[in-house]
Protein backbone atom coordinates (compact mmCIF):
# COMPACT_ATOMS: atom_id res chain seq x y z
CA MET A 1 9.20 31.66 7.18
CA ARG A 2 5.37 31.64 7.53
CA ILE A 3 3.29 29.06 5.50
CA PRO A 4 -0.17 30.65 4.67
CA HIS A 5 -2.92 30.10 7.25
CA THR A 6 -0.67 28.90 10.03
CA LYS A 7 0.47 29.71 13.36
CA PRO A 8 4.01 29.09 14.81
CA PRO A 9 4.25 25.68 16.38
CA VAL A 10 4.64 25.30 20.21
CA TRP A 11 7.40 22.86 21.34
CA PRO A 12 8.23 21.95 24.98
CA ALA A 13 11.91 22.14 26.05
CA VAL A 14 13.76 19.68 23.91
CA ALA A 15 17.08 18.12 25.38
CA GLN A 16 20.16 18.05 23.22
CA GLY A 17 20.65 14.59 21.75
CA ARG A 18 16.98 14.20 20.88
CA PHE A 19 15.86 14.05 17.30
CA ALA A 20 13.62 17.03 17.82
CA SER A 21 16.45 19.26 18.81
CA GLY A 22 17.42 19.44 15.11
CA ILE A 23 13.94 20.38 13.66
CA GLN A 24 14.04 23.87 12.08
CA LEU A 25 11.54 26.52 13.00
CA ALA A 26 12.70 29.66 11.30
CA SER A 27 13.48 28.53 7.73
CA PRO A 28 13.08 25.45 5.41
CA ASP A 29 16.47 25.97 3.87
CA GLY A 30 18.27 22.59 3.46
CA CYS A 31 15.12 20.63 4.58
CA ARG A 32 13.45 17.96 2.61
CA ILE A 33 10.34 17.36 5.00
CA ALA A 34 7.78 19.69 6.30
CA LEU A 35 5.78 18.94 9.31
CA LEU A 36 2.30 20.46 9.33
CA GLY A 37 -0.20 20.36 12.31
CA LEU A 38 -3.77 19.96 11.45
CA PRO A 39 -5.52 20.88 14.80
CA ASP A 40 -9.18 20.44 13.86
CA ASP A 41 -11.81 17.72 14.80
CA THR A 42 -14.86 19.43 13.42
CA GLY A 43 -15.37 16.49 11.05
CA VAL A 44 -15.06 13.93 13.88
CA SER A 45 -17.87 15.69 15.72
CA LEU A 46 -20.05 15.86 12.67
CA ASN A 47 -19.66 11.99 12.40
CA GLY A 48 -20.61 11.54 16.01
CA GLY A 49 -17.02 10.51 17.01
CA ARG A 50 -15.05 11.29 20.18
CA PRO A 51 -13.87 14.80 20.23
CA GLY A 52 -10.23 15.68 21.14
CA ALA A 53 -8.24 15.15 17.96
CA ALA A 54 -7.76 18.86 17.69
CA GLY A 55 -5.10 18.38 20.28
CA GLY A 56 -3.28 15.79 18.26
CA PRO A 57 -0.51 17.99 16.87
CA SER A 58 0.30 19.42 20.26
CA ALA A 59 0.38 15.84 21.68
CA PHE A 60 2.55 14.53 18.95
CA ARG A 61 5.13 17.39 19.41
CA ASP A 62 5.22 16.64 23.15
CA ALA A 63 5.88 12.94 22.58
CA LEU A 64 8.59 13.63 19.79
CA ALA A 65 10.36 16.03 22.11
CA HIS A 66 11.11 13.18 24.39
CA TYR A 67 11.63 10.36 21.89
CA GLY A 68 14.14 9.57 19.28
CA ALA A 69 17.96 10.11 19.25
CA ALA A 70 19.44 12.85 17.08
CA LYS A 71 22.19 10.54 15.84
CA PRO A 72 21.12 6.96 15.82
CA ALA A 73 23.37 4.26 14.58
CA GLY A 74 23.04 3.69 10.97
CA ILE A 75 20.63 6.45 10.15
CA ILE A 76 21.13 10.03 8.97
CA TRP A 77 17.81 11.86 9.47
CA PRO A 78 16.59 14.12 6.64
CA ALA A 79 16.25 17.69 7.77
CA VAL A 80 12.69 18.63 8.85
CA PHE A 81 11.05 22.17 8.79
CA ASP A 82 8.18 22.60 11.21
CA ALA A 83 5.68 24.57 9.19
CA GLY A 84 3.32 25.25 12.18
CA ASP A 85 -0.38 24.56 12.66
CA VAL A 86 -3.04 25.52 10.14
CA ILE A 87 -5.50 27.84 11.91
CA PRO A 88 -8.94 26.30 11.43
CA GLY A 89 -11.56 28.42 9.59
CA GLY A 90 -15.18 29.19 10.43
CA SER A 91 -16.45 26.04 8.61
CA LEU A 92 -15.25 22.68 7.56
CA THR A 93 -15.02 23.95 3.95
CA GLU A 94 -12.94 27.04 4.92
CA THR A 95 -10.64 24.93 7.13
CA HIS A 96 -10.13 22.45 4.11
CA ASP A 97 -9.26 25.37 1.78
CA ARG A 98 -6.66 26.66 4.26
CA VAL A 99 -5.06 23.32 4.56
CA THR A 100 -4.82 23.05 0.73
CA GLU A 101 -3.14 26.40 0.32
CA ALA A 102 -0.74 25.53 3.14
CA VAL A 103 0.31 22.26 1.53
CA GLU A 104 0.61 23.97 -1.91
CA ALA A 105 3.14 26.44 -0.27
CA ILE A 106 5.04 23.48 1.09
CA LEU A 107 5.19 21.66 -2.20
CA GLU A 108 6.29 24.84 -3.91
CA LEU A 109 9.37 24.82 -1.57
CA GLY A 110 10.10 21.29 -2.82
CA LEU A 111 9.34 19.58 0.50
CA LEU A 112 7.42 16.67 1.25
CA PRO A 113 4.48 17.36 3.51
CA ILE A 114 3.75 15.24 6.62
CA GLY A 115 0.40 16.25 8.18
CA ILE A 116 -0.47 15.47 11.89
CA GLY A 117 -4.20 15.58 12.84
CA GLY A 118 -6.79 16.01 13.51
CA GLY A 119 -9.85 14.55 11.94
CA HIS A 120 -9.29 12.17 8.98
CA ASP A 121 -11.18 14.44 6.62
CA LEU A 122 -8.18 16.63 6.61
CA THR A 123 -6.33 14.04 4.40
CA TYR A 124 -8.86 15.40 1.66
CA PRO A 125 -7.41 18.99 1.46
CA VAL A 126 -3.71 17.75 2.00
CA VAL A 127 -4.07 15.24 -1.01
CA ARG A 128 -6.10 17.76 -3.01
CA ALA A 129 -2.97 20.07 -3.12
CA VAL A 130 -0.84 17.05 -4.09
CA ALA A 131 -3.14 15.91 -6.81
CA ARG A 132 -2.87 19.45 -8.40
CA ARG A 133 0.93 18.89 -8.83
CA PHE A 134 1.41 15.35 -9.44
CA LYS A 135 -0.37 13.34 -12.06
CA PRO A 136 -1.31 10.51 -12.34
CA LEU A 137 -1.98 10.16 -8.54
CA SER A 138 -2.97 6.91 -6.61
CA GLY A 139 -3.17 6.37 -2.98
CA ILE A 140 -2.66 3.81 -0.04
CA TYR A 141 -4.30 4.42 3.36
CA PHE A 142 -4.42 2.42 6.57
CA ASP A 143 -7.68 2.67 8.38
CA ALA A 144 -10.31 0.36 10.08
CA HIS A 145 -12.90 2.34 8.06
CA LEU A 146 -13.43 3.09 4.37
CA ASP A 147 -14.27 6.77 4.96
CA VAL A 148 -16.37 7.04 1.70
CA ARG A 149 -19.45 8.64 3.20
CA GLU A 150 -21.43 11.20 1.31
CA ASN A 151 -22.04 13.56 4.25
CA PRO A 152 -19.39 16.11 5.40
CA GLY A 153 -17.37 14.82 8.34
CA SER A 154 -14.38 12.78 9.24
CA GLY A 155 -15.65 9.87 7.10
CA MET A 156 -15.62 11.67 3.78
CA ALA A 157 -12.01 12.01 2.67
CA PHE A 158 -11.70 9.16 0.29
CA ARG A 159 -14.94 9.56 -1.44
CA ARG A 160 -14.17 13.20 -2.07
CA LEU A 161 -10.72 12.24 -3.42
CA ILE A 162 -12.10 9.86 -5.95
CA GLU A 163 -14.86 12.16 -7.07
CA ASP A 164 -12.90 15.50 -7.08
CA CYS A 165 -9.29 14.72 -7.66
CA GLY A 166 -8.98 12.12 -10.37
CA LEU A 167 -7.37 9.45 -8.46
CA VAL A 168 -6.36 6.43 -10.57
CA GLY A 169 -6.60 3.94 -7.67
CA LEU A 170 -7.00 3.55 -4.03
CA GLU A 171 -5.60 0.63 -1.67
CA LEU A 172 -6.94 0.21 1.92
CA HIS A 173 -5.29 -1.80 4.58
CA GLY A 174 -6.70 -2.65 7.89
CA PHE A 175 -10.36 -2.75 6.90
CA ARG A 176 -12.83 -4.17 9.52
CA PRO A 177 -16.14 -5.14 8.16
CA PHE A 178 -17.95 -4.73 11.56
CA VAL A 179 -17.57 -0.95 11.35
CA ASN A 180 -18.42 -0.27 7.75
CA ALA A 181 -21.78 -0.20 5.99
CA ALA A 182 -22.25 -2.64 3.11
CA GLU A 183 -23.19 0.12 0.73
CA HIS A 184 -20.02 1.95 1.53
CA GLN A 185 -18.08 -1.06 0.72
CA ALA A 186 -19.93 -1.65 -2.51
CA TRP A 187 -19.36 1.98 -3.57
CA PHE A 188 -15.65 1.79 -2.85
CA LEU A 189 -15.16 -1.38 -4.93
CA ALA A 190 -17.15 -0.03 -7.77
CA HIS A 191 -15.01 3.09 -8.05
CA GLY A 192 -11.82 1.09 -8.33
CA GLY A 193 -10.90 0.76 -4.67
CA ARG A 194 -8.96 -2.31 -3.40
CA ILE A 195 -9.28 -3.73 0.10
CA CYS A 196 -6.10 -5.68 1.00
CA PRO A 197 -5.96 -8.60 3.55
CA ASP A 198 -3.87 -8.08 6.70
CA SER A 199 -1.57 -10.87 5.53
CA VAL A 200 -0.11 -8.76 2.55
CA PRO A 201 3.61 -7.92 3.22
CA PRO A 202 4.75 -4.44 3.11
CA ARG A 203 4.82 -3.73 -0.54
CA LEU A 204 3.54 -0.72 -2.27
CA PRO A 205 1.30 -0.84 -5.40
CA GLY A 206 3.14 -1.10 -8.82
CA GLY A 207 2.93 1.33 -11.71
CA GLU A 208 4.08 4.59 -12.80
CA GLY A 209 2.94 7.96 -11.26
CA SER A 210 2.82 9.29 -7.70
CA LEU A 211 1.27 8.04 -4.43
CA PHE A 212 -0.08 9.69 -1.37
CA ALA A 213 -0.13 7.73 1.87
CA SER A 214 -2.43 8.20 4.94
CA PHE A 215 -2.35 6.55 8.31
CA ASP A 216 -5.39 6.73 10.56
CA LEU A 217 -4.26 5.59 14.09
CA ASP A 218 -7.56 3.66 14.49
CA VAL A 219 -6.02 0.98 12.35
CA LEU A 220 -3.93 -0.03 15.35
CA ASP A 221 -5.30 -2.23 18.17
CA ALA A 222 -6.75 -0.27 21.21
CA ALA A 223 -4.32 -1.98 23.41
CA TYR A 224 -1.51 -0.03 21.77
CA ALA A 225 -3.31 3.15 20.71
CA PRO A 226 -6.33 4.04 23.13
CA GLY A 227 -5.93 7.65 22.14
CA ALA A 228 -7.57 7.47 18.71
CA SER A 229 -10.99 9.04 17.86
CA ALA A 230 -12.38 5.63 17.36
CA MET A 231 -10.63 2.70 19.24
CA ASN A 232 -10.27 -0.45 17.30
CA PRO A 233 -10.64 -3.72 19.39
CA SER A 234 -9.06 -5.84 16.83
CA GLY A 235 -6.39 -3.80 15.08
CA TRP A 236 -2.85 -4.07 13.96
CA ASP A 237 0.32 -4.30 16.25
CA PRO A 238 3.02 -1.62 16.09
CA LYS A 239 5.61 -3.70 14.32
CA GLU A 240 3.16 -4.48 11.48
CA ALA A 241 2.52 -0.71 11.25
CA GLU A 242 6.21 0.33 11.55
CA ALA A 243 7.14 -1.99 8.57
CA TRP A 244 4.59 -0.46 6.35
CA VAL A 245 5.27 3.13 7.29
CA ARG A 246 9.06 2.54 6.64
CA ALA A 247 8.21 1.15 3.23
CA LEU A 248 6.21 4.27 2.51
CA GLY A 249 9.10 6.53 3.44
CA ALA A 250 11.47 4.65 1.24
CA ASP A 251 9.39 4.86 -1.97
CA PRO A 252 10.23 7.90 -4.02
CA ARG A 253 6.72 7.89 -5.50
CA VAL A 254 5.18 8.94 -2.19
CA ARG A 255 4.57 12.57 -2.23
CA SER A 256 2.71 13.14 1.14
CA PHE A 257 2.13 11.37 4.36
CA ASP A 258 -0.11 11.96 7.29
CA LEU A 259 -0.84 10.53 10.77
CA MET A 260 -4.38 11.25 11.74
CA GLU A 261 -6.90 10.95 14.55
CA LEU A 262 -4.51 11.35 17.53
CA CYS A 263 -6.93 11.99 20.45
CA PRO A 264 -4.94 12.93 23.59
CA ALA A 265 -8.04 13.29 25.75
CA HIS A 266 -8.35 9.54 25.70
CA ASP A 267 -4.63 8.66 25.48
CA GLU A 268 -3.78 6.84 28.63
CA GLY A 269 -0.15 7.37 29.58
CA GLY A 270 0.40 9.13 26.16
CA ARG A 271 0.92 5.74 24.49
CA THR A 272 -0.71 6.72 21.30
CA ALA A 273 1.27 9.92 20.88
CA ARG A 274 4.48 8.05 21.59
CA LEU A 275 3.52 5.53 19.03
CA SER A 276 2.79 8.27 16.67
CA ALA A 277 6.22 9.79 17.11
CA HIS A 278 7.71 6.32 16.59
CA LEU A 279 5.76 5.91 13.15
CA PHE A 280 6.81 9.50 12.14
CA LEU A 281 10.47 8.58 12.79
CA SER A 282 10.00 5.17 10.98
CA PHE A 283 8.78 7.12 7.86
CA LEU A 284 11.86 9.30 8.12
CA ALA A 285 14.22 6.34 8.39
CA GLY A 286 12.76 4.93 5.13
CA PHE A 287 12.95 8.36 3.45
CA ALA A 288 16.62 8.60 4.46
CA GLY A 289 17.47 5.88 1.91
CA ARG A 290 15.79 7.67 -1.01
CA LYS A 291 18.20 8.65 -3.76
């Protein structure tokens, strides 16, 4: 089955016994999760960042093909359909429209979309589709940056979501003041955003309604994740991230998830791609416990 505006995924050879050997490519029948590649980094370039995140989905699949057991002890994986990669358009706006249409088709199938990017601006069109279906909607994201710039680019997503999609709240984890302008922080707080300290345990915001979750790999320390579009010299460690991502997967209010800014051109030894695969499986492990 083809999701609109996508091309089929390209996987390396996957050995039997690996998690990826069970991913469905032809049909979403029986699946609960849809993997969607977002191979575009136009927004990163517009913001003056390091290009290369367009290769993120490919690097992620390569890493996942070699990581994770098909039948680990104590976990029954939810079935996953790989919906392919969204084909970028001729402009950032056209690409965003294509992503939204692809995610709408995934939601229509009753699947939870997991996006792999790609510039963090692509969270905006993913969540735009979710916001049209689930109301009220709030969000939680993990990023060293606020990403509330006015200008088009990878730093725009959460401003646009607040302005365009009627979110009822946003919670940011991993914020680093050295890399955020004071006026952006003031705007975020004035529009209902909440910046959480790193010491907060993995507990999602309370209340009714639905949530989206977005994970920018630059929230991780550069020692663990050199292959992010913007390296973080004072970021999180993988165990901290894993605990949060697993909690996201377990919460039935979470309607979408994404892992963004994987930049294989700068990923020494493929460390960041492998960590991305680990976080993806951590989300699925949490999701497996949903009723």
